[in-house]
Amino acid sequence: MPQLFLLSHLIKHGETTYYSLSRDLPYNSKYILKVIKALEADSLIHREKVGNKKLINITSAGREMFKEINKERASFFQAFNDSGITWEELINFYSVMEKINSTFLKK
């Protein structure tokens, strides 16, 4: 999910720096750097040194991937809407799953 937030930020705001991402995204800076490196390894973003800054840009492959994931995400939520499942029910389900997960992880 953090990868999508980062790609979305780049699509909305254009090129940026690691420090701007650290300030703008709700993740710690070490984790953001890890995400940046992973996205760069997958050729979804590109880092370029300009002066004393490293600018981060989304690649065309990154844009395409984001577009495809966004379509899938929209159809996923549309399926929930079509099924009659409410947000409250979905949140309750998630809460129960978290409780079950934490119960089994304790053992």
Protein backbone atom coordinates (compact mmCIF):
# COMPACT_ATOMS: atom_id res chain seq x y z
CA MET A 1 0.00 0.00 0.00
CA PRO A 2 2.78 2.50 0.72
CA GLN A 3 3.97 1.95 -2.84
CA LEU A 4 0.60 3.15 -4.12
CA PHE A 5 0.67 6.21 -1.88
CA LEU A 6 4.12 7.08 -3.18
CA LEU A 7 3.18 6.57 -6.84
CA SER A 8 -0.04 8.52 -6.33
CA HIS A 9 1.92 11.38 -4.75
CA LEU A 10 4.29 11.47 -7.73
CA ILE A 11 1.39 11.48 -10.20
CA LYS A 12 -0.36 14.31 -8.37
CA HIS A 13 2.67 16.46 -7.49
CA GLY A 14 5.31 15.54 -10.07
CA GLU A 15 8.98 15.13 -9.28
CA THR A 16 10.01 15.38 -5.68
CA THR A 17 12.78 14.54 -3.25
CA TYR A 18 13.12 11.87 -0.61
CA TYR A 19 12.88 14.54 2.09
CA SER A 20 9.60 15.88 0.67
CA LEU A 21 8.17 12.37 0.58
CA SER A 22 9.28 11.81 4.18
CA ARG A 23 7.45 14.97 5.16
CA ASP A 24 4.31 14.33 3.07
CA LEU A 25 3.68 10.60 3.58
CA PRO A 26 2.53 8.99 6.84
CA TYR A 27 5.49 6.57 7.08
CA ASN A 28 8.86 6.82 8.77
CA SER A 29 11.75 7.96 6.58
CA LYS A 30 13.63 4.62 6.67
CA TYR A 31 10.55 2.81 5.43
CA ILE A 32 10.03 5.37 2.65
CA LEU A 33 13.62 4.86 1.52
CA LYS A 34 13.02 1.10 1.41
CA VAL A 35 9.89 1.65 -0.72
CA ILE A 36 11.78 4.02 -3.02
CA LYS A 37 14.53 1.47 -3.57
CA ALA A 38 12.01 -1.29 -4.29
CA LEU A 39 10.07 0.85 -6.77
CA GLU A 40 13.32 1.90 -8.43
CA ALA A 41 14.45 -1.74 -8.71
CA ASP A 42 11.15 -2.49 -10.48
CA SER A 43 11.70 0.51 -12.82
CA LEU A 44 8.52 2.19 -11.59
CA ILE A 45 10.36 5.32 -10.45
CA HIS A 46 13.63 6.93 -11.43
CA ARG A 47 16.02 8.90 -9.23
CA GLU A 48 18.30 11.48 -10.79
CA LYS A 49 20.92 13.61 -9.10
CA VAL A 50 20.43 17.29 -9.95
CA GLY A 51 22.85 19.55 -8.15
CA ASN A 52 22.86 18.52 -4.52
CA LYS A 53 19.39 16.91 -4.72
CA LYS A 54 18.16 13.54 -5.91
CA LEU A 55 14.88 14.04 -7.73
CA ILE A 56 12.39 11.20 -7.86
CA ASN A 57 10.13 10.81 -10.90
CA ILE A 58 7.55 8.22 -11.82
CA THR A 59 8.34 6.30 -15.00
CA SER A 60 5.85 5.50 -17.75
CA ALA A 61 5.81 1.90 -16.44
CA GLY A 62 4.96 3.29 -12.98
CA ARG A 63 2.12 5.37 -14.43
CA GLU A 64 0.72 2.36 -16.29
CA MET A 65 0.94 0.14 -13.22
CA PHE A 66 -0.77 2.76 -11.07
CA LYS A 67 -3.52 3.17 -13.66
CA GLU A 68 -4.15 -0.59 -13.77
CA ILE A 69 -4.17 -0.95 -9.98
CA ASN A 70 -6.50 2.02 -9.68
CA LYS A 71 -8.93 0.32 -12.12
CA GLU A 72 -8.80 -2.91 -10.11
CA ARG A 73 -9.29 -1.01 -6.86
CA ALA A 74 -12.31 0.82 -8.28
CA SER A 75 -13.89 -2.43 -9.46
CA PHE A 76 -13.16 -4.04 -6.08
CA PHE A 77 -15.01 -1.29 -4.22
CA GLN A 78 -17.76 -1.26 -6.83
CA ALA A 79 -18.28 -4.98 -6.14
CA PHE A 80 -18.75 -4.16 -2.45
CA ASN A 81 -21.24 -1.44 -3.30
CA ASP A 82 -23.12 -3.76 -5.67
CA SER A 83 -23.25 -6.55 -3.09
CA GLY A 84 -24.91 -4.34 -0.50
CA ILE A 85 -22.05 -4.66 1.99
CA THR A 86 -21.85 -1.43 3.95
CA TRP A 87 -18.65 0.27 5.09
CA GLU A 88 -19.70 -0.42 8.67
CA GLU A 89 -19.97 -4.15 7.92
CA LEU A 90 -16.61 -4.12 6.18
CA ILE A 91 -14.97 -2.35 9.13
CA ASN A 92 -16.59 -4.80 11.57
CA PHE A 93 -15.34 -7.72 9.49
CA TYR A 94 -11.83 -6.29 9.43
CA SER A 95 -11.95 -5.74 13.20
CA VAL A 96 -12.98 -9.35 13.80
CA MET A 97 -10.24 -10.62 11.46
CA GLU A 98 -7.66 -8.53 13.35
CA LYS A 99 -8.81 -10.07 16.66
CA ILE A 100 -8.61 -13.57 15.22
CA ASN A 101 -5.18 -12.86 13.78
CA SER A 102 -3.80 -11.47 17.04
CA THR A 103 -5.26 -14.44 18.95
CA PHE A 104 -3.43 -16.95 16.77
CA LEU A 105 -0.22 -14.95 16.62
CA LYS A 106 0.05 -15.03 20.43
CA LYS A 107 0.39 -18.82 20.40
